[in-house]
Amino acid sequence: MTERQQLLHLWLGGPSVDNPVLAWSFHDASDGEGPQPPPVEPPYATGLDAMRDGWMLLSTTPPPTPQDDPNSPGTYIDHEFLFERRVTGASTL
C-alpha cells in the first residue's frame, strides 16, 4: 500500500500543547478512498493527547507582534497547532 499524509489542525485555548481544543479540522490525502469524514467532536482533548497518539507537531501560530492591537477582534482563532502523520491503508482518527 502507498503511504499518504494526514494533517490535523487543532486550535487550542492557549499557547501550550496541553491546553484544551477549541476547534479542529482534519485532512486526509486518500482522495475519498480512506477514512470517512471525522466526527463532530474533536478527536483529542488537547494537543498533547494527539502527540501521545503518534501525531507529529509541525508548526504553531507565531506569537503576536507588538503592532497587533489586543483590543481588536481577530478574524481567526489564536493558538493554531498543525500536526502530521503518515499512514498506509484505511486509517481513521
Protein backbone atom coordinates (compact mmCIF):
# COMPACT_ATOMS: atom_id res chain seq x y z
CA MET A 1 0.00 0.00 0.00
CA THR A 2 1.06 3.56 -0.63
CA GLU A 3 1.87 5.82 2.29
CA ARG A 4 -0.17 9.01 2.50
CA GLN A 5 -0.13 12.13 4.64
CA GLN A 6 -2.80 13.18 7.12
CA LEU A 7 -2.97 16.67 8.63
CA LEU A 8 -4.70 17.65 11.85
CA HIS A 9 -5.23 21.32 12.73
CA LEU A 10 -6.03 21.99 16.38
CA TRP A 11 -6.88 25.43 17.70
CA LEU A 12 -6.18 25.38 21.43
CA GLY A 13 -7.25 27.56 24.33
CA GLY A 14 -3.69 28.76 24.93
CA PRO A 15 -0.12 28.69 23.59
CA SER A 16 0.81 25.30 25.09
CA VAL A 17 0.01 21.85 23.65
CA ASP A 18 -1.67 20.84 26.91
CA ASN A 19 -4.47 23.43 26.52
CA PRO A 20 -7.98 22.25 25.55
CA VAL A 21 -9.07 22.01 21.91
CA LEU A 22 -11.45 24.81 20.84
CA ALA A 23 -11.74 23.94 17.13
CA TRP A 24 -10.21 21.47 14.71
CA SER A 25 -10.02 20.20 11.13
CA PHE A 26 -8.70 17.01 9.56
CA HIS A 27 -7.33 16.44 6.05
CA ASP A 28 -6.57 13.04 4.55
CA ALA A 29 -4.83 12.58 1.18
CA SER A 30 -6.87 9.47 0.36
CA ASP A 31 -8.91 11.01 -2.49
CA GLY A 32 -12.07 9.77 -0.80
CA GLU A 33 -10.92 6.15 -0.58
CA GLY A 34 -9.75 6.23 3.02
CA PRO A 35 -11.44 7.17 6.26
CA GLN A 36 -14.85 8.77 6.29
CA PRO A 37 -15.30 12.37 7.46
CA PRO A 38 -14.33 12.78 11.11
CA PRO A 39 -16.91 13.00 13.89
CA VAL A 40 -18.21 16.37 15.06
CA GLU A 41 -16.41 16.15 18.40
CA PRO A 42 -12.65 16.81 18.46
CA PRO A 43 -10.64 13.59 18.32
CA TYR A 44 -8.40 14.75 21.19
CA ALA A 45 -8.95 16.85 24.30
CA THR A 46 -5.53 18.55 23.98
CA GLY A 47 -2.65 18.81 21.54
CA LEU A 48 -0.57 16.72 23.93
CA ASP A 49 -3.09 13.88 23.58
CA ALA A 50 -2.62 13.99 19.79
CA MET A 51 1.16 13.80 20.22
CA ARG A 52 0.78 10.81 22.55
CA ASP A 53 -1.26 9.10 19.80
CA GLY A 54 1.56 9.47 17.26
CA TRP A 55 0.83 12.84 15.63
CA MET A 56 3.96 14.90 14.93
CA LEU A 57 3.78 18.65 15.65
CA LEU A 58 4.79 20.61 12.53
CA SER A 59 4.03 24.21 13.42
CA THR A 60 2.28 26.59 15.77
CA THR A 61 0.90 30.08 15.42
CA PRO A 62 3.65 32.66 15.92
CA PRO A 63 3.27 34.93 18.95
CA PRO A 64 1.58 38.27 18.34
CA THR A 65 3.79 41.14 17.24
CA PRO A 66 3.88 44.46 19.14
CA GLN A 67 1.89 46.25 16.42
CA ASP A 68 -1.08 43.87 16.88
CA ASP A 69 -3.97 45.54 18.70
CA PRO A 70 -5.01 43.27 21.60
CA ASN A 71 -8.38 45.08 21.81
CA SER A 72 -9.26 44.40 18.18
CA PRO A 73 -11.17 41.18 17.49
CA GLY A 74 -9.22 38.84 15.25
CA THR A 75 -10.51 37.05 12.20
CA TYR A 76 -9.01 33.74 13.31
CA ILE A 77 -8.54 31.72 16.46
CA ASP A 78 -5.15 32.17 18.10
CA HIS A 79 -3.01 29.19 19.08
CA GLU A 80 -3.22 27.06 15.93
CA PHE A 81 -1.20 23.83 16.01
CA LEU A 82 -0.59 21.74 12.89
CA PHE A 83 0.10 18.02 13.27
CA GLU A 84 1.05 15.43 10.65
CA ARG A 85 1.24 11.67 10.41
CA ARG A 86 1.93 9.19 7.62
CA VAL A 87 -0.36 6.18 7.26
CA THR A 88 -0.95 3.26 4.93
CA GLY A 89 -4.33 1.69 4.31
CA ALA A 90 -7.61 2.92 5.78
CA SER A 91 -6.62 4.72 8.97
CA THR A 92 -9.13 6.78 10.94
CA LEU A 93 -8.64 9.40 13.57
